[in-house]
Protein backbone atom coordinates (compact mmCIF):
# COMPACT_ATOMS: atom_id res chain seq x y z
CA UNK A 1 -65.01 3.52 -14.45
CA UNK A 2 -63.91 -0.07 -13.97
CA UNK A 3 -62.09 0.04 -17.31
CA UNK A 4 -60.38 3.31 -16.33
CA UNK A 5 -59.17 1.75 -13.04
CA UNK A 6 -57.85 -1.29 -14.89
CA UNK A 7 -56.01 0.93 -17.38
CA UNK A 8 -54.58 3.00 -14.54
CA UNK A 9 -53.41 -0.12 -12.69
CA UNK A 10 -51.81 -1.48 -15.88
CA UNK A 11 -50.03 1.84 -16.43
CA UNK A 12 -48.72 1.84 -12.85
CA UNK A 13 -47.55 -1.77 -13.18
CA UNK A 14 -45.82 -1.00 -16.49
CA UNK A 15 -44.11 2.10 -15.04
CA UNK A 16 -42.98 0.12 -11.99
CA UNK A 17 -41.51 -2.69 -14.09
CA UNK A 18 -39.71 -0.19 -16.35
CA UNK A 19 -38.31 1.65 -13.34
CA UNK A 20 -37.16 -1.64 -11.82
CA UNK A 21 -35.49 -2.65 -15.08
CA UNK A 22 -33.73 0.70 -15.36
CA UNK A 23 -32.65 0.46 -11.72
CA UNK A 24 -31.24 -3.04 -12.22
CA UNK A 25 -29.40 -1.97 -15.37
CA UNK A 26 -27.97 1.03 -13.56
CA UNK A 27 -26.87 -1.20 -10.68
CA UNK A 28 -25.17 -3.63 -13.08
CA UNK A 29 -23.23 -0.82 -14.74
CA UNK A 30 -22.13 0.43 -11.31
CA UNK A 31 -20.91 -2.96 -10.21
CA UNK A 32 -17.12 -3.11 -10.14
CA UNK A 33 -15.37 -5.19 -12.73
CA UNK A 34 -13.31 -8.13 -11.60
CA UNK A 35 -9.85 -6.92 -10.54
CA UNK A 36 -7.17 -9.48 -11.25
CA UNK A 37 -3.83 -9.18 -9.43
CA UNK A 38 -0.52 -11.02 -9.53
CA UNK A 39 0.82 -12.49 -6.32
CA UNK A 40 4.01 -13.99 -4.93
CA UNK A 41 6.63 -11.86 -6.65
CA UNK A 42 7.68 -11.19 -10.22
CA UNK A 43 8.62 -14.80 -10.98
CA UNK A 44 4.99 -15.91 -10.58
CA UNK A 45 2.73 -15.43 -13.62
CA UNK A 46 -0.54 -16.51 -11.99
CA UNK A 47 -3.30 -14.06 -11.08
CA UNK A 48 -6.30 -14.20 -8.77
CA UNK A 49 -9.52 -12.21 -8.32
CA UNK A 50 -8.66 -9.48 -5.76
CA UNK A 51 -11.93 -7.52 -6.17
CA UNK A 52 -13.01 -7.98 -2.55
CA UNK A 53 -10.02 -5.98 -1.29
CA UNK A 54 -11.11 -2.97 -3.34
CA UNK A 55 -14.88 -3.23 -2.81
CA UNK A 56 -14.37 -3.27 0.97
CA UNK A 57 -12.30 -0.08 0.72
CA UNK A 58 -9.16 -1.48 2.33
CA UNK A 59 -7.14 -0.91 -0.85
CA UNK A 60 -7.27 1.28 -3.94
CA UNK A 61 -5.51 0.99 -7.30
CA UNK A 62 -1.93 2.21 -7.63
CA UNK A 63 -1.80 4.13 -10.91
CA UNK A 64 1.85 3.87 -11.90
CA UNK A 65 1.73 2.51 -15.44
CA UNK A 66 3.08 4.63 -18.30
CA UNK A 67 -0.45 5.03 -19.71
CA UNK A 68 -1.82 6.11 -16.32
CA UNK A 69 -3.38 2.71 -15.71
CA UNK A 70 -3.39 0.76 -12.47
CA UNK A 71 -0.68 -1.71 -11.56
CA UNK A 72 -1.71 -5.36 -11.39
CA UNK A 73 1.16 -6.12 -8.98
CA UNK A 74 1.02 -3.36 -6.35
CA UNK A 75 -1.84 -1.49 -4.67
CA UNK A 76 -2.27 1.28 -2.07
CA UNK A 77 -3.74 0.86 1.38
CA UNK A 78 -6.39 3.41 2.33
CA UNK A 79 -5.36 3.52 6.03
CA UNK A 80 -2.09 1.81 6.96
CA UNK A 81 -2.07 0.20 10.41
CA UNK A 82 -0.24 2.05 13.19
CA UNK A 83 2.98 0.61 14.61
CA UNK A 84 3.19 -0.61 18.19
CA UNK A 85 6.00 0.37 20.58
CA UNK A 86 7.42 -3.16 20.22
CA UNK A 87 7.46 -2.88 16.43
CA UNK A 88 9.16 0.54 16.62
CA UNK A 89 11.80 -1.05 18.84
CA UNK A 90 12.45 -3.65 16.09
CA UNK A 91 13.26 -1.02 13.45
CA UNK A 92 16.98 -0.61 14.36
CA UNK A 93 17.41 -4.40 14.19
CA UNK A 94 15.76 -4.57 10.76
CA UNK A 95 17.92 -1.68 9.55
CA UNK A 96 21.10 -3.28 10.87
CA UNK A 97 20.31 -6.63 9.28
CA UNK A 98 19.56 -5.20 5.83
CA UNK A 99 22.57 -2.87 5.90
CA UNK A 100 24.85 -5.75 6.94
CA UNK A 101 23.76 -7.69 3.86
CA UNK A 102 23.97 -4.81 1.37
CA UNK A 103 26.70 -2.56 2.85
CA UNK A 104 28.95 -4.72 5.08
CA UNK A 105 31.58 -1.96 5.34
CA UNK A 106 29.23 0.26 7.41
CA UNK A 107 29.65 0.58 11.16
CA UNK A 108 26.19 -0.37 12.43
CA UNK A 109 27.13 -0.62 16.13
CA UNK A 110 25.06 2.42 17.17
CA UNK A 111 21.91 0.74 15.84
CA UNK A 112 22.46 -2.20 18.18
CA UNK A 113 24.31 -0.69 21.17
CA UNK A 114 22.21 2.47 21.55
CA UNK A 115 19.12 1.92 19.36
CA UNK A 116 17.69 5.25 18.18
CA UNK A 117 13.98 6.02 18.00
CA UNK A 118 13.25 5.58 14.29
CA UNK A 119 9.44 5.72 14.52
CA UNK A 120 9.24 9.10 12.76
CA UNK A 121 11.41 7.86 9.89
CA UNK A 122 8.98 5.24 8.55
CA UNK A 123 6.77 5.87 5.52
CA UNK A 124 4.19 3.59 3.92
CA UNK A 125 5.14 2.74 0.30
CA UNK A 126 2.67 0.27 -1.25
CA UNK A 127 1.12 -3.18 -0.80
CA UNK A 128 1.21 -6.45 -2.74
CA UNK A 129 -0.11 -9.98 -2.39
CA UNK A 130 2.27 -12.64 -1.09
CA UNK A 131 -0.38 -15.27 -1.87
CA UNK A 132 -3.99 -15.05 -3.08
CA UNK A 133 -5.93 -13.01 -0.52
CA UNK A 134 -2.82 -12.56 1.65
CA UNK A 135 -1.72 -8.92 1.33
CA UNK A 136 1.54 -7.48 2.68
CA UNK A 137 2.13 -3.79 3.33
CA UNK A 138 5.57 -2.39 2.42
CA UNK A 139 7.33 0.50 4.12
CA UNK A 140 10.56 2.44 3.85
CA UNK A 141 12.70 3.29 6.85
CA UNK A 142 14.78 6.39 6.13
CA UNK A 143 18.09 6.26 7.95
CA UNK A 144 21.26 8.34 8.08
CA UNK A 145 24.43 6.53 9.12
CA UNK A 146 28.10 7.56 8.79
CA UNK A 147 27.05 10.63 6.81
CA UNK A 148 25.20 8.49 4.24
CA UNK A 149 21.47 8.17 3.60
CA UNK A 150 19.63 4.86 3.17
CA UNK A 151 16.09 3.72 2.38
CA UNK A 152 15.45 0.33 3.97
CA UNK A 153 12.41 -1.53 2.67
CA UNK A 154 10.48 -3.90 4.90
CA UNK A 155 7.09 -5.61 4.91
CA UNK A 156 4.51 -6.78 7.40
CA UNK A 157 1.33 -8.83 7.36
CA UNK A 158 -1.48 -6.52 6.26
CA UNK A 159 -4.20 -8.22 8.30
CA UNK A 160 -2.45 -8.50 11.67
CA UNK A 161 0.24 -5.84 11.31
CA UNK A 162 2.75 -8.36 12.69
CA UNK A 163 5.80 -10.05 11.21
CA UNK A 164 8.09 -7.18 10.24
CA UNK A 165 10.43 -8.58 7.60
CA UNK A 166 13.39 -6.73 6.07
CA UNK A 167 13.59 -6.84 2.28
CA UNK A 168 16.48 -4.67 1.09
CA UNK A 169 18.42 -1.43 1.55
CA UNK A 170 19.62 1.13 -0.96
CA UNK A 171 21.78 4.18 -0.61
CA UNK A 172 20.21 7.50 -1.60
CA UNK A 173 22.86 9.67 -3.22
CA UNK A 174 23.29 11.92 -6.23
CA UNK A 175 20.47 13.39 -8.28
CA UNK A 176 18.99 10.27 -9.85
CA UNK A 177 15.40 10.80 -10.98
CA UNK A 178 14.49 7.36 -9.62
CA UNK A 179 15.42 8.54 -6.11
CA UNK A 180 13.58 11.89 -6.20
CA UNK A 181 10.78 10.69 -3.92
CA UNK A 182 13.28 9.38 -1.37
CA UNK A 183 15.19 12.70 -1.37
CA UNK A 184 11.89 14.52 -0.79
CA UNK A 185 11.10 12.34 2.24
CA UNK A 186 14.57 12.91 3.70
CA UNK A 187 14.02 16.68 3.35
CA UNK A 188 10.64 16.40 5.12
CA UNK A 189 12.16 14.37 7.97
CA UNK A 190 15.02 16.85 8.38
CA UNK A 191 12.52 19.74 8.52
CA UNK A 192 10.39 17.95 11.14
CA UNK A 193 13.43 17.17 13.27
CA UNK A 194 14.68 20.77 12.97
CA UNK A 195 11.31 22.11 14.19
CA UNK A 196 11.19 19.68 17.13
CA UNK A 197 14.58 20.76 18.53
């Protein structure tokens, strides 16, 4: 009887250690691999370990590579931060500044003299790291001015949501494949505005 109990205890101990080993191996295989990302723009060739931003769920990979793989420059935010009323009020100023630099011939006076509400014309685009562990979220502001359509890109601090900074502006015209997504957004905005009249 004593021998049977000892054998039973040994069997239980062996089963427990095997189960623990299998559990640990399973956990190791589930652990995310290190995710290395570039930061600071295309001129910088250094990378850093950005894994924590994915493990926490704030960001997810942006699969835009030709082979379907994830970018190591840009990422996607799971839930972009909302804009405050003050930030929405800054949008016409950002638009005017970027358009002045890129399209100086445009009459931008309406953006400054009678600023329109542009809050429904903003769409999240992607995120990137300005420095290691310092993400920025990028947006497009879709604007129509003088019968022309523009996509104005700007960024803001991903942690605080502050510091709206204009980046560039480009005109959306013609049927270029590279502008298909922008044309789609303009169509969505026009439909929303038509329904709200």
